[in-house]
Protein backbone atom coordinates (compact mmCIF):
# COMPACT_ATOMS: atom_id res chain seq x y z
CA MET A 1 -6.70 -8.87 -16.43
CA GLN A 2 -7.92 -5.12 -15.56
CA LYS A 3 -6.84 -3.67 -12.35
CA ILE A 4 -9.43 -1.98 -10.45
CA GLU A 5 -8.53 0.58 -7.69
CA MET A 6 -9.93 -0.07 -4.30
CA SER A 7 -10.21 1.82 -0.86
CA ILE A 8 -10.90 0.80 2.50
CA ALA A 9 -14.80 1.26 3.23
CA ALA A 10 -14.80 -0.37 6.68
CA LEU A 11 -13.27 -2.26 9.18
CA ALA A 12 -15.52 -4.46 11.69
CA ASN A 13 -15.74 -7.23 13.76
CA SER A 14 -16.65 -10.65 12.09
CA GLU A 15 -19.91 -11.86 13.52
CA PRO A 16 -19.51 -15.80 12.41
CA GLN A 17 -16.00 -15.84 13.10
CA SER A 18 -14.95 -14.58 16.40
CA ASN A 19 -11.49 -13.09 16.99
CA ASN A 20 -11.67 -12.27 13.27
CA PHE A 21 -12.68 -8.96 11.49
CA ILE A 22 -13.55 -8.03 8.04
CA VAL A 23 -12.01 -5.20 6.19
CA ILE A 24 -14.17 -3.94 3.24
CA LEU A 25 -12.79 -2.75 0.14
CA LYS A 26 -14.97 -0.65 -2.18
CA GLU A 27 -14.50 0.07 -5.85
CA ASN A 28 -13.60 3.53 -6.23
CA SER A 29 -15.55 3.82 -9.63
CA GLY A 30 -18.29 1.30 -9.12
CA ASP A 31 -20.69 -0.29 -6.79
CA ARG A 32 -18.75 -3.40 -5.93
CA ARG A 33 -17.50 -4.31 -2.38
CA LEU A 34 -14.94 -6.88 -1.35
CA PRO A 35 -15.07 -8.26 2.12
CA VAL A 36 -11.92 -9.78 3.14
CA VAL A 37 -11.85 -11.68 6.62
CA ILE A 38 -8.52 -10.81 8.33
CA GLY A 39 -6.78 -11.58 11.73
CA GLY A 40 -7.27 -9.41 14.87
CA PHE A 41 -3.54 -8.35 14.79
CA GLU A 42 -3.78 -7.21 11.16
CA ALA A 43 -6.98 -5.45 11.75
CA GLN A 44 -5.48 -3.61 14.81
CA ALA A 45 -2.25 -2.70 12.65
CA ILE A 46 -4.96 -1.47 9.57
CA ALA A 47 -6.90 0.66 12.16
CA ILE A 48 -3.86 2.17 13.96
CA ALA A 49 -2.57 3.32 10.62
CA ILE A 50 -5.99 4.77 9.39
CA GLU A 51 -6.45 6.49 13.03
CA SER A 52 -2.90 7.91 12.82
CA ILE A 53 -2.03 6.13 16.44
CA ARG A 54 1.68 6.54 16.91
CA PRO A 55 2.66 3.29 19.07
CA SER A 56 5.49 3.93 21.66
CA ARG A 57 7.27 1.05 19.70
CA PRO A 58 6.93 -0.02 15.89
CA LEU A 59 4.78 -2.61 15.19
CA SER A 60 5.55 -5.25 12.86
CA HIS A 61 4.11 -3.42 9.66
CA ASP A 62 5.87 -0.21 11.02
CA LEU A 63 9.20 -2.01 11.00
CA PHE A 64 8.56 -3.56 7.72
CA LYS A 65 8.00 -0.01 6.28
CA ASN A 66 11.17 1.46 8.18
CA VAL A 67 13.26 -1.41 6.84
CA LEU A 68 12.05 -0.53 2.95
CA ASP A 69 12.65 3.01 3.77
CA GLN A 70 16.19 2.77 4.95
CA LEU A 71 16.68 0.42 1.98
CA GLU A 72 15.20 3.07 -0.23
CA VAL A 73 12.36 0.77 -1.73
CA ASN A 74 8.99 2.42 -2.29
CA LEU A 75 5.96 0.55 -2.05
CA ASP A 76 4.03 1.83 -5.10
CA GLU A 77 0.96 -0.57 -5.25
CA VAL A 78 -0.93 -3.29 -3.57
CA ILE A 79 -2.54 -5.85 -5.84
CA ILE A 80 -5.16 -8.45 -4.61
CA SER A 81 -3.85 -10.79 -7.43
CA ASP A 82 -5.50 -13.98 -6.84
CA LEU A 83 -8.35 -16.16 -5.22
CA ARG A 84 -8.19 -19.78 -4.65
CA ASN A 85 -10.06 -21.82 -2.35
CA ASN A 86 -11.73 -18.88 -0.87
CA ILE A 87 -8.09 -17.31 0.03
CA PHE A 88 -6.90 -14.12 -1.29
CA TYR A 89 -3.39 -13.40 -2.56
CA ALA A 90 -1.80 -10.31 -2.85
CA THR A 91 1.24 -8.63 -4.40
CA LEU A 92 3.29 -5.88 -3.36
CA VAL A 93 4.37 -4.16 -6.31
CA CYS A 94 7.94 -2.05 -5.00
CA ARG A 95 10.41 -0.12 -6.46
CA LYS A 96 14.13 0.29 -5.45
CA TRP A 97 15.93 3.17 -5.55
CA ASP A 98 17.72 2.58 -8.86
CA GLY A 99 14.26 2.23 -10.43
CA THR A 100 14.14 -1.66 -10.56
CA GLN A 101 10.55 -3.05 -9.82
CA LEU A 102 9.88 -5.78 -7.36
CA GLU A 103 7.07 -7.81 -6.91
CA ILE A 104 6.54 -9.57 -3.50
CA ASP A 105 4.03 -12.09 -2.34
CA SER A 106 1.81 -11.05 0.44
CA ARG A 107 -1.17 -11.88 2.70
CA THR A 108 -3.61 -9.46 1.87
CA SER A 109 -4.32 -8.35 5.24
CA ASP A 110 -0.50 -7.56 5.59
CA ALA A 111 -0.57 -5.74 2.19
CA ILE A 112 -3.43 -3.56 3.09
CA ALA A 113 -1.82 -2.62 6.50
CA LEU A 114 1.21 -1.75 4.63
CA ALA A 115 -0.71 0.28 1.74
CA VAL A 116 -2.34 2.31 4.54
CA ARG A 117 1.44 3.28 5.83
CA PHE A 118 2.68 4.13 2.62
CA GLY A 119 -0.40 5.76 1.56
CA CYS A 120 -0.20 3.75 -2.01
CA PRO A 121 -3.22 2.58 -4.07
CA ILE A 122 -4.99 -0.79 -3.47
CA TYR A 123 -6.11 -2.81 -6.76
CA ALA A 124 -8.00 -5.60 -7.40
CA TYR A 125 -8.15 -7.72 -10.64
CA ASP A 126 -11.51 -7.59 -12.27
CA PHE A 127 -11.84 -11.28 -12.02
CA ILE A 128 -11.63 -11.35 -8.22
CA LEU A 129 -14.24 -8.57 -7.92
CA ASP A 130 -16.51 -10.82 -10.38
CA GLU A 131 -15.94 -13.68 -8.27
CA ALA A 132 -16.10 -12.40 -4.71
CA GLY A 133 -17.26 -8.89 -4.83
CA VAL A 134 -20.82 -7.96 -3.62
CA ILE A 135 -22.86 -5.30 -5.56
CA VAL A 136 -24.36 -2.72 -3.06
CA GLU A 137 -27.16 -0.63 -4.39
CA ASN A 138 -28.59 2.62 -2.94
CA GLU A 139 -26.07 2.48 0.07
CA PRO A 140 -26.74 5.15 2.96
CA ALA A 141 -24.63 8.17 2.63
CA ASN A 142 -22.95 7.48 5.87
CA GLU A 143 -21.96 3.76 4.91
CA VAL A 144 -18.51 4.00 6.14
CA GLU A 145 -18.29 2.78 9.66
CA LYS A 146 -15.50 3.61 11.85
CA PRO A 147 -12.59 1.25 12.02
CA ILE A 148 -13.32 0.13 15.64
CA SER A 149 -16.58 0.82 16.79
CA GLN A 150 -17.13 2.79 20.07
CA SER A 151 -17.45 0.71 23.13
CA SER A 152 -19.91 1.44 26.22
CA GLN A 153 -16.51 1.25 28.53
CA VAL A 154 -15.59 5.02 27.08
CA LYS A 155 -19.04 6.34 26.84
CA GLY A 156 -19.93 8.93 29.77
CA LYS A 157 -16.52 9.70 30.59
CA SER A 158 -15.14 13.09 30.89
CA VAL A 159 -12.22 14.15 28.64
CA GLU A 160 -9.93 14.37 31.42
CA GLU A 161 -10.74 10.70 32.30
CA LEU A 162 -10.66 9.35 28.62
CA ARG A 163 -7.23 11.12 28.02
CA THR A 164 -5.95 9.28 31.13
CA MET A 165 -7.60 6.11 29.78
CA LEU A 166 -5.96 6.78 26.52
CA ASP A 167 -2.32 7.24 28.03
CA LYS A 168 -2.66 4.20 29.93
CA ALA A 169 -3.87 1.96 26.74
CA LEU A 170 -1.17 3.34 24.76
CA GLU A 171 1.53 2.29 27.64
CA LYS A 172 -0.06 -1.05 27.68
CA GLU A 173 0.11 -1.28 23.88
CA ASP A 174 -3.79 -1.90 23.87
CA TYR A 175 -4.03 -0.02 20.48
CA GLU A 176 -7.55 -1.15 19.72
CA THR A 177 -8.90 0.12 23.13
CA ALA A 178 -6.93 3.49 22.33
CA ALA A 179 -8.49 3.46 19.24
CA LYS A 180 -11.77 3.26 20.74
CA ILE A 181 -10.92 6.32 23.29
CA ARG A 182 -9.50 8.31 20.67
CA ASP A 183 -13.02 8.03 18.75
CA GLU A 184 -14.84 8.92 21.85
CA LEU A 185 -12.37 12.00 22.38
CA LYS A 186 -13.14 13.23 18.87
CA ARG A 187 -16.86 12.99 19.64
CA LEU A 188 -17.06 14.94 22.72
CA GLU A 189 -14.24 17.72 21.37
CA SER A 190 -16.55 18.28 18.28
């Protein structure tokens, strides 16, 4: 089995499955994409890490990273290691302070959320891409979507109004809305 390095190409709502999202992983040196359906909480955890939003209190994935950091365990890589009955399986490849390697079974969505936090590579075995990958030909240059699309609620607001809205969203721990507001602020300030 060959490991193929992947990166996050997009995070979007899943049209056919409400309350679910799709994270699309792209092959770093190829044309294949791997769409993975994930839950809303995991999508929020990935989006927050991608957008570098600092929640007022640690989310579950942040807590897990903090624990591993305190135990001097590093997440070296994430491997999407199996596909059974249309369900992806992942393995966290960790290294303890003494150099000992650990492999921990994980849901793929949680593994991706942790990979973003640790800044470690994400891999998929070649047979998984052969079975579930989608080939993208002649993709547009701006193929990568924003992690969470901008909402009409934030468009047309002033920078001051958006900053107030952002503070309130973070206070309520509504990170999905915070990401939308942050995107609009970036757009207005550029």
